[in-house]
Amino acid sequence: METSKHERVWFITGASRGIGAEIAKAALAAGDRVVATARDPKSITDRFGRPEALLPVALDVTDEASVAAAVEAAVARFGRIDVLVNNAGYGVMGAIEETSGDEVRRVFETNVFGLLAVTRAVLPQLRKQRAGQILNISSLGGYRAGAGFGVYCSTKFAIEGISEALHAELAPLGIAVTVIEPGYFRTEFLEAKSVVETGKVIADYADTAGRVRSRAKAVSLQQPGDPERLARVVVELTRAKNPPLRLPLGSDAVAAIEAKNALVAQELAAWRAVAESTDFPK
């Protein structure tokens, strides 16, 4: 299938539900082509049907052979990839001490190593085109961590660092990189399919991580952010001449980032003399 210069070919991981599904829906509505990936591609066709512009593909981001096959299928069908959306991921909820080594490794395998595997697989095509855009879905938790979500936030902090480096490496090749930082959006993210609770619970953390567990259950499916509006913004972002390195989405994300920036500036001012005292004398 040929695509005109006005159409974009999207490659979206984790596209069967949540933000990934909303972005796929918005891209299709905009007249673009979408390679929508999920572990079970039937979940894609169950949601979207079988429009000509959609290619459902099986993809396990933790399996590099699966990743390579999915990218090959995308290029074979549409001839190019214009927008990579690294969206697949999940959360783990619990205090740092409560989170086992296996629980940490599993979430890093998907959220970080999976993102890297997909990016490495798509980049040869983008470099060949000397054009394209990578959108890495981070989180407000990639800019500011909090009790109960420390390990999950650490995966998103990793994505922020990866995105900054990619931005510097790929800009000379005509490839844009933006890390998207959603606040709380009304998806199923806080439900059991997207967030797992640690198997261990320690009473001493009842007022910190424990309180976060309770609050997450209370606000699930009541979050202030509209995922359809988020998806439309993401599609508009791919039309922007100068896309930003970072794009926070949601008024709660903006407020939290401003608060952290103010705290960092305040602490830097208070400790500047100590920080600068460690240089060799001039």
Protein backbone atom coordinates (compact mmCIF):
# COMPACT_ATOMS: atom_id res chain seq x y z
CA MET A 1 0.00 0.00 0.00
CA GLU A 2 1.44 3.37 -1.01
CA THR A 3 1.18 6.37 1.24
CA SER A 4 1.11 9.99 0.20
CA LYS A 5 3.41 12.60 1.70
CA HIS A 6 0.47 13.78 3.81
CA GLU A 7 -0.07 10.40 5.42
CA ARG A 8 2.04 9.03 8.20
CA VAL A 9 2.73 5.43 9.09
CA TRP A 10 2.56 4.87 12.83
CA PHE A 11 4.11 1.97 14.73
CA ILE A 12 2.50 1.82 18.18
CA THR A 13 3.38 -0.61 20.93
CA GLY A 14 0.77 -1.56 23.51
CA ALA A 15 -2.03 -0.45 21.20
CA SER A 16 -4.86 -2.69 22.38
CA ARG A 17 -6.03 -0.48 25.25
CA GLY A 18 -5.38 2.68 27.21
CA ILE A 19 -3.34 5.52 25.75
CA GLY A 20 -1.92 3.33 22.99
CA ALA A 21 -5.38 2.46 21.71
CA GLU A 22 -6.52 6.08 21.85
CA ILE A 23 -3.48 7.22 19.85
CA ALA A 24 -4.13 4.50 17.26
CA LYS A 25 -7.77 5.59 17.00
CA ALA A 26 -6.83 9.27 16.59
CA ALA A 27 -4.17 8.50 13.96
CA LEU A 28 -6.64 6.44 11.92
CA ALA A 29 -9.21 9.23 12.21
CA ALA A 30 -6.60 11.65 10.86
CA GLY A 31 -6.21 9.53 7.73
CA ASP A 32 -2.89 7.95 8.68
CA ARG A 33 -1.80 4.31 8.55
CA VAL A 34 -1.31 2.46 11.80
CA VAL A 35 0.70 -0.61 12.72
CA ALA A 36 -0.95 -1.47 16.03
CA THR A 37 0.93 -4.02 18.08
CA ALA A 38 -0.01 -6.15 21.06
CA ARG A 39 0.92 -9.53 22.45
CA ASP A 40 -2.38 -10.81 21.01
CA PRO A 41 -3.27 -9.05 17.73
CA LYS A 42 -6.86 -10.29 18.06
CA SER A 43 -7.27 -7.71 20.80
CA ILE A 44 -6.56 -5.07 18.14
CA THR A 45 -9.12 -6.35 15.63
CA ASP A 46 -11.69 -6.82 18.40
CA ARG A 47 -11.34 -3.12 19.19
CA PHE A 48 -10.86 -1.57 15.73
CA GLY A 49 -12.14 -4.09 13.22
CA ARG A 50 -10.14 -4.55 10.01
CA PRO A 51 -9.85 -1.19 8.20
CA GLU A 52 -7.41 -1.15 5.30
CA ALA A 53 -5.25 1.47 7.02
CA LEU A 54 -4.68 -0.76 10.07
CA LEU A 55 -2.15 -3.55 10.41
CA PRO A 56 -2.51 -5.55 13.64
CA VAL A 57 0.79 -7.23 14.54
CA ALA A 58 1.80 -9.58 17.32
CA LEU A 59 4.59 -8.08 19.40
CA ASP A 60 6.22 -8.99 22.69
CA VAL A 61 8.65 -6.16 23.42
CA THR A 62 10.70 -8.46 25.66
CA ASP A 63 11.41 -10.83 22.73
CA GLU A 64 13.83 -9.33 20.18
CA ALA A 65 12.85 -11.86 17.49
CA SER A 66 9.22 -10.80 17.92
CA VAL A 67 10.27 -7.15 17.68
CA ALA A 68 12.26 -7.71 14.46
CA ALA A 69 9.39 -9.63 12.86
CA ALA A 70 6.88 -6.88 13.72
CA VAL A 71 9.05 -4.13 12.22
CA GLU A 72 9.65 -6.22 9.11
CA ALA A 73 5.89 -6.75 8.71
CA ALA A 74 5.26 -3.02 9.07
CA VAL A 75 7.75 -2.04 6.38
CA ALA A 76 6.57 -4.84 4.08
CA ARG A 77 2.97 -3.59 4.30
CA PHE A 78 3.42 0.18 4.22
CA GLY A 79 6.97 0.72 2.93
CA ARG A 80 8.07 3.03 5.73
CA ILE A 81 7.61 4.03 9.36
CA ASP A 82 7.13 7.71 10.17
CA VAL A 83 6.16 7.71 13.83
CA LEU A 84 7.26 5.23 16.48
CA VAL A 85 5.22 5.37 19.68
CA ASN A 86 6.88 3.45 22.49
CA ASN A 87 3.87 3.02 24.72
CA ALA A 88 3.96 -0.59 25.99
CA GLY A 89 4.54 -0.83 29.69
CA TYR A 90 3.00 -1.43 33.08
CA GLY A 91 3.34 -0.29 36.66
CA VAL A 92 4.35 -1.90 39.92
CA MET A 93 3.01 -0.43 43.15
CA GLY A 94 4.73 -0.80 46.49
CA ALA A 95 7.53 0.60 48.60
CA ILE A 96 11.08 0.07 47.38
CA GLU A 97 11.79 -2.43 50.16
CA GLU A 98 8.56 -4.28 49.40
CA THR A 99 9.49 -4.79 45.73
CA SER A 100 11.34 -8.04 45.08
CA GLY A 101 14.23 -8.38 42.66
CA ASP A 102 12.08 -10.42 40.27
CA GLU A 103 9.34 -7.76 40.31
CA VAL A 104 11.92 -5.07 39.54
CA ARG A 105 13.50 -7.06 36.72
CA ARG A 106 10.16 -7.81 35.07
CA VAL A 107 9.04 -4.18 34.94
CA PHE A 108 12.43 -3.05 33.63
CA GLU A 109 12.33 -5.79 30.97
CA THR A 110 9.12 -4.34 29.56
CA ASN A 111 9.33 -0.62 30.27
CA VAL A 112 13.02 -0.02 29.55
CA PHE A 113 14.67 -2.94 27.76
CA GLY A 114 11.55 -3.44 25.63
CA LEU A 115 11.54 0.22 24.60
CA LEU A 116 15.23 -0.02 23.71
CA ALA A 117 14.68 -3.19 21.65
CA VAL A 118 11.87 -1.65 19.61
CA THR A 119 13.78 1.59 19.11
CA ARG A 120 16.90 -0.23 17.91
CA ALA A 121 14.79 -2.26 15.48
CA VAL A 122 13.02 0.78 13.99
CA LEU A 123 15.98 3.15 13.81
CA PRO A 124 17.62 1.60 10.70
CA GLN A 125 14.44 2.39 8.76
CA LEU A 126 14.23 5.94 10.11
CA ARG A 127 17.92 6.55 9.36
CA LYS A 128 17.43 5.23 5.84
CA GLN A 129 14.56 7.68 5.38
CA ARG A 130 16.46 10.52 7.08
CA ALA A 131 13.09 11.37 8.57
CA GLY A 132 10.75 10.24 11.30
CA GLN A 133 9.69 10.84 14.85
CA ILE A 134 10.01 8.84 18.06
CA LEU A 135 7.46 9.45 20.80
CA ASN A 136 8.40 7.82 24.09
CA ILE A 137 5.52 7.62 26.53
CA SER A 138 6.96 8.42 29.93
CA SER A 139 4.88 9.80 32.79
CA LEU A 140 4.71 12.57 35.31
CA GLY A 141 6.46 9.83 37.29
CA GLY A 142 9.41 10.15 34.95
CA TYR A 143 10.01 13.67 36.20
CA ARG A 144 8.95 13.36 39.83
CA ALA A 145 8.97 10.15 41.87
CA GLY A 146 6.84 9.44 44.90
CA ALA A 147 6.21 6.88 47.60
CA GLY A 148 4.67 3.64 46.41
CA PHE A 149 5.71 4.04 42.78
CA GLY A 150 9.49 4.30 43.18
CA VAL A 151 10.43 1.33 40.99
CA TYR A 152 7.88 2.22 38.30
CA CYS A 153 9.09 5.83 38.33
CA SER A 154 12.68 4.64 38.00
CA THR A 155 11.78 2.98 34.69
CA LYS A 156 10.29 6.24 33.48
CA PHE A 157 13.32 8.20 34.69
CA ALA A 158 15.36 5.82 32.52
CA ILE A 159 13.13 6.59 29.53
CA GLU A 160 13.70 10.31 30.09
CA GLY A 161 17.47 9.82 29.96
CA ILE A 162 17.28 7.57 26.91
CA SER A 163 15.08 10.14 25.15
CA GLU A 164 17.44 13.03 25.89
CA ALA A 165 20.36 11.08 24.42
CA LEU A 166 18.36 9.97 21.39
CA HIS A 167 17.30 13.57 20.79
CA ALA A 168 20.95 14.63 20.59
CA GLU A 169 22.01 11.66 18.47
CA LEU A 170 19.17 11.74 15.95
CA ALA A 171 18.51 15.44 15.37
CA PRO A 172 21.34 15.68 12.79
CA LEU A 173 19.70 12.77 10.91
CA GLY A 174 16.32 14.49 10.60
CA ILE A 175 14.67 12.33 13.26
CA ALA A 176 12.75 14.05 16.06
CA VAL A 177 12.39 12.67 19.59
CA THR A 178 9.81 13.72 22.16
CA VAL A 179 9.23 12.23 25.57
CA ILE A 180 5.58 12.58 26.59
CA GLU A 181 4.80 12.97 30.30
CA PRO A 182 1.11 12.36 31.02
CA GLY A 183 -0.33 13.08 34.42
CA TYR A 184 -3.33 11.08 35.62
CA PHE A 185 -5.55 10.19 32.67
CA ARG A 186 -8.80 8.27 32.82
CA THR A 187 -7.59 4.94 31.49
CA GLU A 188 -7.33 1.48 33.00
CA PHE A 189 -3.75 2.14 34.11
CA LEU A 190 -4.53 1.81 37.82
CA GLU A 191 -6.47 -1.42 37.24
CA ALA A 192 -4.97 -4.88 37.73
CA LYS A 193 -4.14 -5.40 34.04
CA SER A 194 -1.77 -2.41 34.05
CA VAL A 195 -0.50 -2.11 37.62
CA VAL A 196 0.60 -4.99 39.81
CA GLU A 197 0.95 -4.68 43.56
CA THR A 198 4.03 -6.04 45.26
CA GLY A 199 3.65 -9.46 46.80
CA LYS A 200 5.16 -8.20 50.04
CA VAL A 201 3.52 -5.61 52.29
CA ILE A 202 5.38 -4.10 55.27
CA ALA A 203 3.33 -2.43 57.99
CA ASP A 204 5.88 0.36 58.56
CA TYR A 205 5.01 1.76 55.12
CA ALA A 206 1.26 2.00 55.80
CA ASP A 207 1.33 5.81 55.86
CA THR A 208 3.38 6.15 52.67
CA ALA A 209 3.20 3.35 50.09
CA GLY A 210 0.13 1.90 51.80
CA ARG A 211 -1.73 5.18 51.54
CA VAL A 212 -0.80 5.38 47.86
CA ARG A 213 -2.29 1.91 47.30
CA SER A 214 -5.57 3.02 48.85
CA ARG A 215 -5.67 6.27 46.93
CA ALA A 216 -4.94 4.52 43.62
CA LYS A 217 -7.98 2.30 44.09
CA ALA A 218 -10.13 5.30 44.95
CA VAL A 219 -9.16 7.43 41.96
CA SER A 220 -9.01 4.67 39.34
CA LEU A 221 -11.26 5.53 36.38
CA GLN A 222 -11.87 8.95 37.97
CA GLN A 223 -8.63 10.63 36.83
CA PRO A 224 -8.91 14.21 35.51
CA GLY A 225 -7.17 13.72 32.16
CA ASP A 226 -9.15 12.96 28.98
CA PRO A 227 -7.30 10.27 26.96
CA GLU A 228 -9.09 11.20 23.73
CA ARG A 229 -7.82 14.77 23.99
CA LEU A 230 -4.35 13.46 24.78
CA ALA A 231 -4.43 11.33 21.64
CA ARG A 232 -5.50 14.25 19.46
CA VAL A 233 -2.62 16.33 20.86
CA VAL A 234 -0.18 13.53 20.05
CA VAL A 235 -1.39 13.41 16.44
CA GLU A 236 -1.05 17.20 16.18
CA LEU A 237 2.46 16.89 17.62
CA THR A 238 3.53 14.84 14.60
CA ARG A 239 2.56 17.78 12.38
CA ALA A 240 4.60 20.30 14.39
CA LYS A 241 7.63 21.85 12.68
CA ASN A 242 9.65 22.01 15.91
CA PRO A 243 8.40 19.37 18.34
CA PRO A 244 9.64 19.72 21.92
CA LEU A 245 12.00 17.35 23.68
CA ARG A 246 9.50 17.08 26.54
CA LEU A 247 5.73 17.44 26.48
CA PRO A 248 3.89 17.19 29.81
CA LEU A 249 0.16 16.58 29.38
CA GLY A 250 -2.50 17.36 31.94
CA SER A 251 -2.80 20.30 34.32
CA ASP A 252 -1.71 18.05 37.19
CA ALA A 253 1.52 17.22 35.35
CA VAL A 254 2.23 20.91 34.71
CA ALA A 255 1.64 21.83 38.38
CA ALA A 256 3.80 18.97 39.68
CA ILE A 257 6.67 19.79 37.32
CA GLU A 258 6.56 23.45 38.32
CA ALA A 259 6.64 22.46 41.99
CA LYS A 260 9.63 20.17 41.50
CA ASN A 261 11.51 22.78 39.47
CA ALA A 262 10.93 25.31 42.26
CA LEU A 263 12.20 22.86 44.89
CA VAL A 264 15.31 22.06 42.86
CA ALA A 265 16.05 25.76 42.36
CA GLN A 266 15.52 26.44 46.09
CA GLU A 267 17.85 23.62 47.18
CA LEU A 268 20.48 24.57 44.62
CA ALA A 269 20.51 28.13 45.91
CA ALA A 270 20.74 26.96 49.52
CA TRP A 271 23.60 24.55 48.85
CA ARG A 272 25.38 26.36 46.00
CA ALA A 273 28.43 27.28 48.10
CA VAL A 274 28.86 23.68 49.24
CA ALA A 275 28.40 22.35 45.70
CA GLU A 276 30.97 24.74 44.24
CA SER A 277 33.47 24.20 47.08
CA THR A 278 34.59 20.84 45.71
CA ASP A 279 36.50 22.20 42.68
CA PHE A 280 40.30 22.36 42.67
CA PRO A 281 41.44 25.79 43.91
CA LYS A 282 42.05 28.24 41.07
